[in-house]
Each structure stands twice: as C-alpha cells, then as structure tokens.
Amino acid sequence: MNDNRNLLTHIKTDPNAKYHLLIGAVVGIIACLDPHVLAPFFAALMVGIIIEVWQRGHGGKNTMRESIMDALTTSIPGAVLSLIKFIGGLV
C-alpha cells in the first residue's frame, strides 16, 4: 500500500502491477476488434475500474489513491494499442 507520486513509481513498487498490465493488454487486444480508435483504452480503463470497485467492495485495504493508480496501470496497454491503431489508420 504505497502512495506513490506518479504512475511509473507505482508500477515499479507494486507487486501486482504486472497482473494489471497483463489484464489491460488482454482486454485491449480484444477491444482492437472494435472499429473505434479509443476502444482499447476505454475498455482497459473500465476493466481496471471494475476490478478496483470489486476489490474495495470485498474488503480491499487499498487507499483511494492506490486504487486509482491500479486502474490507470490497467489502462496503459489499452492506451498504447489505441495509439498504434490511430497511427495505423493514418497510413
């Protein structure tokens, strides 16, 4: 339960960050089937929020800041996939 100042420090110190990134990558890849450019980012962000809401509702001990950082960590692969999809659409 570290309250880090930025997202990169949070990813470095959180032992579960790799799972958030993996879940975000899987959801982002599935959302790439949608024709909208921002679909992977928003799908990964929504899954991250749902995970954190479920975790807090079932006795999670994270602070609100750490829950937000975890949700944003989950959305990073979706953001990268959205950027790739946008650049691919320009070419």
C-alpha atoms as a PDB file:
ATOM      1  CA  MET A   1       0.000   0.000   0.000  1.00  0.00           C
ATOM      2  CA  ASN A   2       2.364   2.659  -1.240  1.00  0.00           C
ATOM      3  CA  ASP A   3       1.072   6.128  -2.034  1.00  0.00           C
ATOM      4  CA  ASN A   4       3.440   6.955  -4.849  1.00  0.00           C
ATOM      5  CA  ARG A   5       3.674  10.325  -6.501  1.00  0.00           C
ATOM      6  CA  ASN A   6       3.455   9.148 -10.098  1.00  0.00           C
ATOM      7  CA  LEU A   7       2.323   6.183 -12.123  1.00  0.00           C
ATOM      8  CA  LEU A   8       5.786   4.926 -13.091  1.00  0.00           C
ATOM      9  CA  THR A   9       6.895   4.715  -9.451  1.00  0.00           C
ATOM     10  CA  HIS A  10       3.671   2.907  -8.633  1.00  0.00           C
ATOM     11  CA  ILE A  11       4.292   0.326 -11.364  1.00  0.00           C
ATOM     12  CA  LYS A  12       7.850  -0.160 -10.134  1.00  0.00           C
ATOM     13  CA  THR A  13       6.894  -0.720  -6.473  1.00  0.00           C
ATOM     14  CA  ASP A  14       3.530  -2.501  -6.766  1.00  0.00           C
ATOM     15  CA  PRO A  15       3.958  -6.300  -6.736  1.00  0.00           C
ATOM     16  CA  ASN A  16       0.659  -6.785  -8.599  1.00  0.00           C
ATOM     17  CA  ALA A  17       1.334  -4.245 -11.368  1.00  0.00           C
ATOM     18  CA  LYS A  18       2.331  -6.968 -13.831  1.00  0.00           C
ATOM     19  CA  TYR A  19      -1.115  -8.541 -13.457  1.00  0.00           C
ATOM     20  CA  HIS A  20      -2.835  -5.215 -14.065  1.00  0.00           C
ATOM     21  CA  LEU A  21      -0.730  -4.700 -17.190  1.00  0.00           C
ATOM     22  CA  LEU A  22      -1.478  -8.231 -18.405  1.00  0.00           C
ATOM     23  CA  ILE A  23      -5.233  -7.852 -17.879  1.00  0.00           C
ATOM     24  CA  GLY A  24      -5.158  -4.478 -19.633  1.00  0.00           C
ATOM     25  CA  ALA A  25      -3.261  -5.974 -22.566  1.00  0.00           C
ATOM     26  CA  VAL A  26      -5.730  -8.836 -22.992  1.00  0.00           C
ATOM     27  CA  VAL A  27      -8.747  -6.530 -22.818  1.00  0.00           C
ATOM     28  CA  GLY A  28      -7.080  -4.013 -25.150  1.00  0.00           C
ATOM     29  CA  ILE A  29      -6.310  -6.681 -27.742  1.00  0.00           C
ATOM     30  CA  ILE A  30      -9.905  -7.910 -27.663  1.00  0.00           C
ATOM     31  CA  ALA A  31     -11.168  -4.322 -27.928  1.00  0.00           C
ATOM     32  CA  CYS A  32      -8.994  -3.775 -31.024  1.00  0.00           C
ATOM     33  CA  LEU A  33     -11.685  -5.638 -32.948  1.00  0.00           C
ATOM     34  CA  ASP A  34     -13.913  -2.581 -32.488  1.00  0.00           C
ATOM     35  CA  PRO A  35     -13.526  -0.010 -35.291  1.00  0.00           C
ATOM     36  CA  HIS A  36     -13.252   2.958 -32.893  1.00  0.00           C
ATOM     37  CA  VAL A  37      -9.722   4.196 -32.214  1.00  0.00           C
ATOM     38  CA  LEU A  38     -10.135   4.739 -28.464  1.00  0.00           C
ATOM     39  CA  ALA A  39     -11.938   1.442 -27.795  1.00  0.00           C
ATOM     40  CA  PRO A  40      -8.855  -0.400 -26.400  1.00  0.00           C
ATOM     41  CA  PHE A  41      -8.048   2.426 -23.977  1.00  0.00           C
ATOM     42  CA  PHE A  42     -11.573   2.834 -22.634  1.00  0.00           C
ATOM     43  CA  ALA A  43     -12.165  -0.920 -22.409  1.00  0.00           C
ATOM     44  CA  ALA A  44      -8.972  -1.427 -20.397  1.00  0.00           C
ATOM     45  CA  LEU A  45      -9.777   1.582 -18.194  1.00  0.00           C
ATOM     46  CA  MET A  46     -13.290   0.292 -17.481  1.00  0.00           C
ATOM     47  CA  VAL A  47     -11.980  -3.170 -16.594  1.00  0.00           C
ATOM     48  CA  GLY A  48      -9.426  -1.561 -14.270  1.00  0.00           C
ATOM     49  CA  ILE A  49     -12.162   0.441 -12.552  1.00  0.00           C
ATOM     50  CA  ILE A  50     -14.394  -2.631 -12.233  1.00  0.00           C
ATOM     51  CA  ILE A  51     -11.540  -4.639 -10.688  1.00  0.00           C
ATOM     52  CA  GLU A  52     -10.832  -1.910  -8.139  1.00  0.00           C
ATOM     53  CA  VAL A  53     -14.509  -1.409  -7.244  1.00  0.00           C
ATOM     54  CA  TRP A  54     -14.909  -5.149  -6.767  1.00  0.00           C
ATOM     55  CA  GLN A  55     -11.741  -5.291  -4.671  1.00  0.00           C
ATOM     56  CA  ARG A  56     -12.813  -2.398  -2.427  1.00  0.00           C
ATOM     57  CA  GLY A  57     -16.284  -3.903  -2.031  1.00  0.00           C
ATOM     58  CA  HIS A  58     -14.836  -7.211  -0.877  1.00  0.00           C
ATOM     59  CA  GLY A  59     -12.613  -5.894   1.902  1.00  0.00           C
ATOM     60  CA  GLY A  60      -9.673  -4.475  -0.039  1.00  0.00           C
ATOM     61  CA  LYS A  61      -7.257  -2.431   2.038  1.00  0.00           C
ATOM     62  CA  ASN A  62      -6.022  -0.097  -0.723  1.00  0.00           C
ATOM     63  CA  THR A  63      -6.243   3.642  -0.327  1.00  0.00           C
ATOM     64  CA  MET A  64      -8.293   5.545  -2.885  1.00  0.00           C
ATOM     65  CA  ARG A  65      -5.096   6.885  -4.490  1.00  0.00           C
ATOM     66  CA  GLU A  66      -3.676   3.387  -4.890  1.00  0.00           C
ATOM     67  CA  SER A  67      -6.937   2.127  -6.379  1.00  0.00           C
ATOM     68  CA  ILE A  68      -6.857   4.936  -8.939  1.00  0.00           C
ATOM     69  CA  MET A  69      -3.210   4.150  -9.738  1.00  0.00           C
ATOM     70  CA  ASP A  70      -4.095   0.462 -10.214  1.00  0.00           C
ATOM     71  CA  ALA A  71      -6.961   1.340 -12.573  1.00  0.00           C
ATOM     72  CA  LEU A  72      -4.672   3.633 -14.575  1.00  0.00           C
ATOM     73  CA  THR A  73      -1.999   0.919 -14.658  1.00  0.00           C
ATOM     74  CA  THR A  74      -4.565  -1.422 -16.197  1.00  0.00           C
ATOM     75  CA  SER A  75      -5.364   1.150 -18.890  1.00  0.00           C
ATOM     76  CA  ILE A  76      -1.754   1.681 -20.081  1.00  0.00           C
ATOM     77  CA  PRO A  77      -1.662  -1.234 -22.584  1.00  0.00           C
ATOM     78  CA  GLY A  78      -5.012  -0.089 -23.977  1.00  0.00           C
ATOM     79  CA  ALA A  79      -3.634   3.422 -24.447  1.00  0.00           C
ATOM     80  CA  VAL A  80      -0.614   2.051 -26.317  1.00  0.00           C
ATOM     81  CA  LEU A  81      -2.856  -0.087 -28.525  1.00  0.00           C
ATOM     82  CA  SER A  82      -5.108   2.913 -29.218  1.00  0.00           C
ATOM     83  CA  LEU A  83      -2.069   4.945 -30.258  1.00  0.00           C
ATOM     84  CA  ILE A  84      -0.876   2.149 -32.563  1.00  0.00           C
ATOM     85  CA  LYS A  85      -4.371   1.845 -34.020  1.00  0.00           C
ATOM     86  CA  PHE A  86      -4.511   5.611 -34.614  1.00  0.00           C
ATOM     87  CA  ILE A  87      -1.113   5.715 -36.331  1.00  0.00           C
ATOM     88  CA  GLY A  88      -2.051   2.659 -38.396  1.00  0.00           C
ATOM     89  CA  GLY A  89      -5.212   4.431 -39.524  1.00  0.00           C
ATOM     90  CA  LEU A  90      -3.221   7.416 -40.765  1.00  0.00           C
ATOM     91  CA  VAL A  91      -1.013   5.299 -43.007  1.00  0.00           C
END
